[in-house]
Amino acid sequence: MRLVSYGPRGSEAPGALVNDTILPLPAVMTQMGLSPTGGIRSVLPFLSALAEGIDAALERGDETIPVTQTRLGPPVPDPPNLSTVGETTSRTSPSMAWTLMDFRRYQ
């Protein structure tokens, strides 16, 4: 099982990837009495309790989504910080010099 974000770009929802299907986590969180709002970062504080909820949902036969029928998003779509190490400029390596626009294109 892996935590994933899935759905349309910009409005990804948290899910658990189990085999080739995604179990939507908002429904699991609701049944556990947790707020189902937010993305993948909103489920991180509840990982230990969430694992039990995911197992219970799979045993109940909760609805899953085949991976082939949705878009997998970035692991953390809205990182709180972005750090870089070292220096790469167009003078030292033209092929490795990325601008902010290049970075946004690949999100």
Foldseek 3Di string as FASTA:
>chain_A
DDWFWWADPPDTAIWDCDPQWTHGCLVLCVVVVHHRDDHPVVCVVPVVVSVVSVVVCVVVVPDIGGNVVIGTDDRDNDDPDDDDDDDDDCVVPVVPHDDPVNVVVVD
